[in-house]
């Protein structure tokens, strides 16, 4: 999903929106580690919080007005991690819990939820994946809000 590569920069820009002072962006000018004598204090480097697996608490099948739907319940770590390898690890957890989920359409819906739904609605109870949804381009997936081929599911009538 190449369209998602610029997401961290976009999130940083959105985070700065509304602030009186623009958020400075710095780029490292060197990869060399400075030499520090033992009498000099070390500069504090901000740390990124680590959110370890598991990323998925559980999955369960339900029936909605669009048919069968696999509800994926992320853990707090799954809702907050930004580790590069976390999405693939989380998908492996889904497939380990429910091997029949391993289809191109379900994977694309999961990827969309992982990439966007976590930002837009981080506390959404579950991410719902439907096997009946078509495989579409990344742009179509995003414009359909991760629900290609129809509206987001609701409870069965």
C-alpha atoms as a PDB file:
ATOM      1  CA  UNK A   1       0.000   0.000   0.000  1.00  0.00           C
ATOM      2  CA  UNK A   2       2.330   2.673  -1.282  1.00  0.00           C
ATOM      3  CA  UNK A   3      -0.203   5.414  -0.593  1.00  0.00           C
ATOM      4  CA  UNK A   4       0.412   4.961   3.133  1.00  0.00           C
ATOM      5  CA  UNK A   5       4.164   5.740   3.047  1.00  0.00           C
ATOM      6  CA  UNK A   6       3.687   9.481   3.682  1.00  0.00           C
ATOM      7  CA  UNK A   7       1.283   8.922   6.584  1.00  0.00           C
ATOM      8  CA  UNK A   8       3.730   9.712   9.454  1.00  0.00           C
ATOM      9  CA  UNK A   9       4.585  13.085   7.895  1.00  0.00           C
ATOM     10  CA  UNK A  10       0.909  13.857   7.340  1.00  0.00           C
ATOM     11  CA  UNK A  11       0.073  12.968  10.944  1.00  0.00           C
ATOM     12  CA  UNK A  12       2.877  15.257  12.177  1.00  0.00           C
ATOM     13  CA  UNK A  13       1.516  18.104  10.054  1.00  0.00           C
ATOM     14  CA  UNK A  14      -2.038  17.512  11.292  1.00  0.00           C
ATOM     15  CA  UNK A  15      -0.837  17.402  14.887  1.00  0.00           C
ATOM     16  CA  UNK A  16       0.731  20.834  14.436  1.00  0.00           C
ATOM     17  CA  UNK A  17      -2.484  22.301  12.977  1.00  0.00           C
ATOM     18  CA  UNK A  18      -4.082  24.894  15.173  1.00  0.00           C
ATOM     19  CA  UNK A  19      -0.976  25.664  17.176  1.00  0.00           C
ATOM     20  CA  UNK A  20       0.185  29.269  17.252  1.00  0.00           C
ATOM     21  CA  UNK A  21       3.763  28.317  16.471  1.00  0.00           C
ATOM     22  CA  UNK A  22       4.551  25.883  13.693  1.00  0.00           C
ATOM     23  CA  UNK A  23       6.073  22.609  14.851  1.00  0.00           C
ATOM     24  CA  UNK A  24       9.771  22.642  13.897  1.00  0.00           C
ATOM     25  CA  UNK A  25      10.960  19.802  11.736  1.00  0.00           C
ATOM     26  CA  UNK A  26      14.557  18.778  12.124  1.00  0.00           C
ATOM     27  CA  UNK A  27      16.621  16.469  10.020  1.00  0.00           C
ATOM     28  CA  UNK A  28      19.740  14.827  11.424  1.00  0.00           C
ATOM     29  CA  UNK A  29      22.833  16.248   9.772  1.00  0.00           C
ATOM     30  CA  UNK A  30      25.180  13.504  10.896  1.00  0.00           C
ATOM     31  CA  UNK A  31      25.016   9.885  11.883  1.00  0.00           C
ATOM     32  CA  UNK A  32      28.243  10.101  13.899  1.00  0.00           C
ATOM     33  CA  UNK A  33      28.046   9.753  17.665  1.00  0.00           C
ATOM     34  CA  UNK A  34      29.726  12.663  19.474  1.00  0.00           C
ATOM     35  CA  UNK A  35      32.527  11.955  21.902  1.00  0.00           C
ATOM     36  CA  UNK A  36      31.615  12.992  25.435  1.00  0.00           C
ATOM     37  CA  UNK A  37      33.976  13.129  28.361  1.00  0.00           C
ATOM     38  CA  UNK A  38      32.819  11.524  31.574  1.00  0.00           C
ATOM     39  CA  UNK A  39      32.383  14.929  33.259  1.00  0.00           C
ATOM     40  CA  UNK A  40      29.877  16.182  30.688  1.00  0.00           C
ATOM     41  CA  UNK A  41      26.173  15.343  31.119  1.00  0.00           C
ATOM     42  CA  UNK A  42      24.655  13.328  28.293  1.00  0.00           C
ATOM     43  CA  UNK A  43      21.894  15.021  26.353  1.00  0.00           C
ATOM     44  CA  UNK A  44      18.538  13.387  26.912  1.00  0.00           C
ATOM     45  CA  UNK A  45      17.194  11.651  23.815  1.00  0.00           C
ATOM     46  CA  UNK A  46      13.423  11.328  23.629  1.00  0.00           C
ATOM     47  CA  UNK A  47      12.312   7.729  23.672  1.00  0.00           C
ATOM     48  CA  UNK A  48       9.490   6.240  21.671  1.00  0.00           C
ATOM     49  CA  UNK A  49       7.158   4.151  23.811  1.00  0.00           C
ATOM     50  CA  UNK A  50       7.262   0.464  23.038  1.00  0.00           C
ATOM     51  CA  UNK A  51       3.961  -1.304  22.588  1.00  0.00           C
ATOM     52  CA  UNK A  52       4.721  -5.022  22.474  1.00  0.00           C
ATOM     53  CA  UNK A  53       2.551  -7.784  21.030  1.00  0.00           C
ATOM     54  CA  UNK A  54       0.023  -9.144  21.207  1.00  0.00           C
ATOM     55  CA  UNK A  55      -1.700  -6.576  18.993  1.00  0.00           C
ATOM     56  CA  UNK A  56      -4.970  -8.498  18.648  1.00  0.00           C
ATOM     57  CA  UNK A  57      -6.975  -9.549  21.700  1.00  0.00           C
ATOM     58  CA  UNK A  58      -9.400 -11.836  19.876  1.00  0.00           C
ATOM     59  CA  UNK A  59     -11.557 -12.228  16.794  1.00  0.00           C
ATOM     60  CA  UNK A  60     -15.103 -13.507  16.418  1.00  0.00           C
ATOM     61  CA  UNK A  61     -17.563 -14.097  13.632  1.00  0.00           C
ATOM     62  CA  UNK A  62     -20.935 -12.390  13.623  1.00  0.00           C
ATOM     63  CA  UNK A  63     -23.728 -11.850  11.103  1.00  0.00           C
ATOM     64  CA  UNK A  64     -24.518  -8.320   9.909  1.00  0.00           C
ATOM     65  CA  UNK A  65     -26.734  -6.823   7.240  1.00  0.00           C
ATOM     66  CA  UNK A  66     -23.920  -7.414   4.712  1.00  0.00           C
ATOM     67  CA  UNK A  67     -23.474 -11.050   5.757  1.00  0.00           C
ATOM     68  CA  UNK A  68     -20.679 -12.707   7.686  1.00  0.00           C
ATOM     69  CA  UNK A  69     -18.290 -10.321   9.431  1.00  0.00           C
ATOM     70  CA  UNK A  70     -15.115 -11.077  11.333  1.00  0.00           C
ATOM     71  CA  UNK A  71     -14.814  -8.681  14.249  1.00  0.00           C
ATOM     72  CA  UNK A  72     -11.170  -8.004  15.119  1.00  0.00           C
ATOM     73  CA  UNK A  73     -10.588  -6.672  18.634  1.00  0.00           C
ATOM     74  CA  UNK A  74      -7.200  -4.936  18.969  1.00  0.00           C
ATOM     75  CA  UNK A  75      -5.314  -4.764  22.263  1.00  0.00           C
ATOM     76  CA  UNK A  76      -4.193  -1.417  23.697  1.00  0.00           C
ATOM     77  CA  UNK A  77      -0.792  -2.114  22.092  1.00  0.00           C
ATOM     78  CA  UNK A  78      -2.490  -2.756  18.749  1.00  0.00           C
ATOM     79  CA  UNK A  79      -4.284   0.564  18.994  1.00  0.00           C
ATOM     80  CA  UNK A  80      -1.147   2.584  19.758  1.00  0.00           C
ATOM     81  CA  UNK A  81       1.930   0.984  18.226  1.00  0.00           C
ATOM     82  CA  UNK A  82       3.701   2.630  15.334  1.00  0.00           C
ATOM     83  CA  UNK A  83       6.380  -0.028  14.877  1.00  0.00           C
ATOM     84  CA  UNK A  84       7.107  -0.720  11.214  1.00  0.00           C
ATOM     85  CA  UNK A  85       6.576  -4.469  11.572  1.00  0.00           C
ATOM     86  CA  UNK A  86       3.477  -4.329  13.782  1.00  0.00           C
ATOM     87  CA  UNK A  87       0.824  -4.420  11.031  1.00  0.00           C
ATOM     88  CA  UNK A  88       2.218  -7.653   9.565  1.00  0.00           C
ATOM     89  CA  UNK A  89       2.571  -9.157  13.043  1.00  0.00           C
ATOM     90  CA  UNK A  90      -1.009  -8.194  13.913  1.00  0.00           C
ATOM     91  CA  UNK A  91      -2.313  -9.761  10.691  1.00  0.00           C
ATOM     92  CA  UNK A  92      -0.450 -12.985  11.541  1.00  0.00           C
ATOM     93  CA  UNK A  93      -2.272 -12.947  14.905  1.00  0.00           C
ATOM     94  CA  UNK A  94      -5.649 -12.574  13.138  1.00  0.00           C
ATOM     95  CA  UNK A  95      -4.885 -15.466  10.777  1.00  0.00           C
ATOM     96  CA  UNK A  96      -3.616 -17.621  13.654  1.00  0.00           C
ATOM     97  CA  UNK A  97      -6.946 -17.047  15.439  1.00  0.00           C
ATOM     98  CA  UNK A  98      -9.049 -17.473  12.276  1.00  0.00           C
ATOM     99  CA  UNK A  99      -7.246 -19.081   9.290  1.00  0.00           C
ATOM    100  CA  UNK A 100     -10.236 -18.547   6.974  1.00  0.00           C
ATOM    101  CA  UNK A 101      -9.616 -14.781   7.213  1.00  0.00           C
ATOM    102  CA  UNK A 102      -6.510 -15.133   5.074  1.00  0.00           C
ATOM    103  CA  UNK A 103      -7.946 -13.727   1.819  1.00  0.00           C
ATOM    104  CA  UNK A 104      -6.839 -10.756  -0.275  1.00  0.00           C
ATOM    105  CA  UNK A 105     -10.011  -8.780   0.482  1.00  0.00           C
ATOM    106  CA  UNK A 106      -9.908  -9.384   4.246  1.00  0.00           C
ATOM    107  CA  UNK A 107      -6.186  -8.519   4.373  1.00  0.00           C
ATOM    108  CA  UNK A 108      -6.784  -5.272   2.451  1.00  0.00           C
ATOM    109  CA  UNK A 109      -9.634  -4.307   4.803  1.00  0.00           C
ATOM    110  CA  UNK A 110      -7.432  -5.086   7.809  1.00  0.00           C
ATOM    111  CA  UNK A 111      -4.553  -3.023   6.404  1.00  0.00           C
ATOM    112  CA  UNK A 112      -6.917  -0.093   5.835  1.00  0.00           C
ATOM    113  CA  UNK A 113      -8.299  -0.310   9.376  1.00  0.00           C
ATOM    114  CA  UNK A 114      -4.787  -0.628  10.808  1.00  0.00           C
ATOM    115  CA  UNK A 115      -3.520   2.371   8.865  1.00  0.00           C
ATOM    116  CA  UNK A 116      -6.494   4.722   9.064  1.00  0.00           C
ATOM    117  CA  UNK A 117      -9.185   3.595  11.520  1.00  0.00           C
ATOM    118  CA  UNK A 118      -6.688   3.620  14.375  1.00  0.00           C
ATOM    119  CA  UNK A 119      -6.073   7.325  13.698  1.00  0.00           C
ATOM    120  CA  UNK A 120      -9.650   8.385  12.972  1.00  0.00           C
ATOM    121  CA  UNK A 121     -11.361   6.316  15.681  1.00  0.00           C
ATOM    122  CA  UNK A 122      -8.675   4.830  17.956  1.00  0.00           C
ATOM    123  CA  UNK A 123     -11.203   3.524  20.476  1.00  0.00           C
ATOM    124  CA  UNK A 124     -13.510   1.793  17.987  1.00  0.00           C
ATOM    125  CA  UNK A 125     -14.477  -1.456  19.672  1.00  0.00           C
ATOM    126  CA  UNK A 126     -13.708  -3.727  16.717  1.00  0.00           C
ATOM    127  CA  UNK A 127     -12.562  -3.609  13.142  1.00  0.00           C
ATOM    128  CA  UNK A 128     -15.026  -5.554  11.040  1.00  0.00           C
ATOM    129  CA  UNK A 129     -13.834  -7.475   7.997  1.00  0.00           C
ATOM    130  CA  UNK A 130     -16.294  -9.000   5.547  1.00  0.00           C
ATOM    131  CA  UNK A 131     -15.326 -11.792   3.153  1.00  0.00           C
ATOM    132  CA  UNK A 132     -18.023 -10.618   0.715  1.00  0.00           C
ATOM    133  CA  UNK A 133     -16.300  -7.287   0.042  1.00  0.00           C
ATOM    134  CA  UNK A 134     -14.473  -6.972  -3.309  1.00  0.00           C
ATOM    135  CA  UNK A 135     -10.749  -6.533  -3.842  1.00  0.00           C
ATOM    136  CA  UNK A 136     -10.239  -2.908  -4.913  1.00  0.00           C
ATOM    137  CA  UNK A 137      -7.389  -0.450  -5.429  1.00  0.00           C
ATOM    138  CA  UNK A 138      -5.875   1.329  -2.422  1.00  0.00           C
ATOM    139  CA  UNK A 139      -7.562   4.586  -3.447  1.00  0.00           C
ATOM    140  CA  UNK A 140     -10.972   2.901  -3.690  1.00  0.00           C
ATOM    141  CA  UNK A 141     -10.414   1.221  -0.311  1.00  0.00           C
ATOM    142  CA  UNK A 142      -9.612   4.531   1.374  1.00  0.00           C
ATOM    143  CA  UNK A 143     -12.482   6.409  -0.279  1.00  0.00           C
ATOM    144  CA  UNK A 144     -14.849   3.613   0.861  1.00  0.00           C
ATOM    145  CA  UNK A 145     -13.576   4.071   4.436  1.00  0.00           C
ATOM    146  CA  UNK A 146     -12.239   0.487   4.424  1.00  0.00           C
ATOM    147  CA  UNK A 147     -15.662  -0.886   3.384  1.00  0.00           C
ATOM    148  CA  UNK A 148     -15.564  -1.399  -0.403  1.00  0.00           C
ATOM    149  CA  UNK A 149     -18.669  -2.582  -2.149  1.00  0.00           C
ATOM    150  CA  UNK A 150     -21.170  -1.001   0.221  1.00  0.00           C
ATOM    151  CA  UNK A 151     -21.721   0.866   3.451  1.00  0.00           C
ATOM    152  CA  UNK A 152     -20.222  -0.132   6.780  1.00  0.00           C
ATOM    153  CA  UNK A 153     -22.066  -3.096   8.205  1.00  0.00           C
ATOM    154  CA  UNK A 154     -24.701  -2.859  10.864  1.00  0.00           C
ATOM    155  CA  UNK A 155     -26.384  -5.514  12.970  1.00  0.00           C
ATOM    156  CA  UNK A 156     -28.453  -8.013  11.024  1.00  0.00           C
ATOM    157  CA  UNK A 157     -32.115  -7.063  10.797  1.00  0.00           C
END
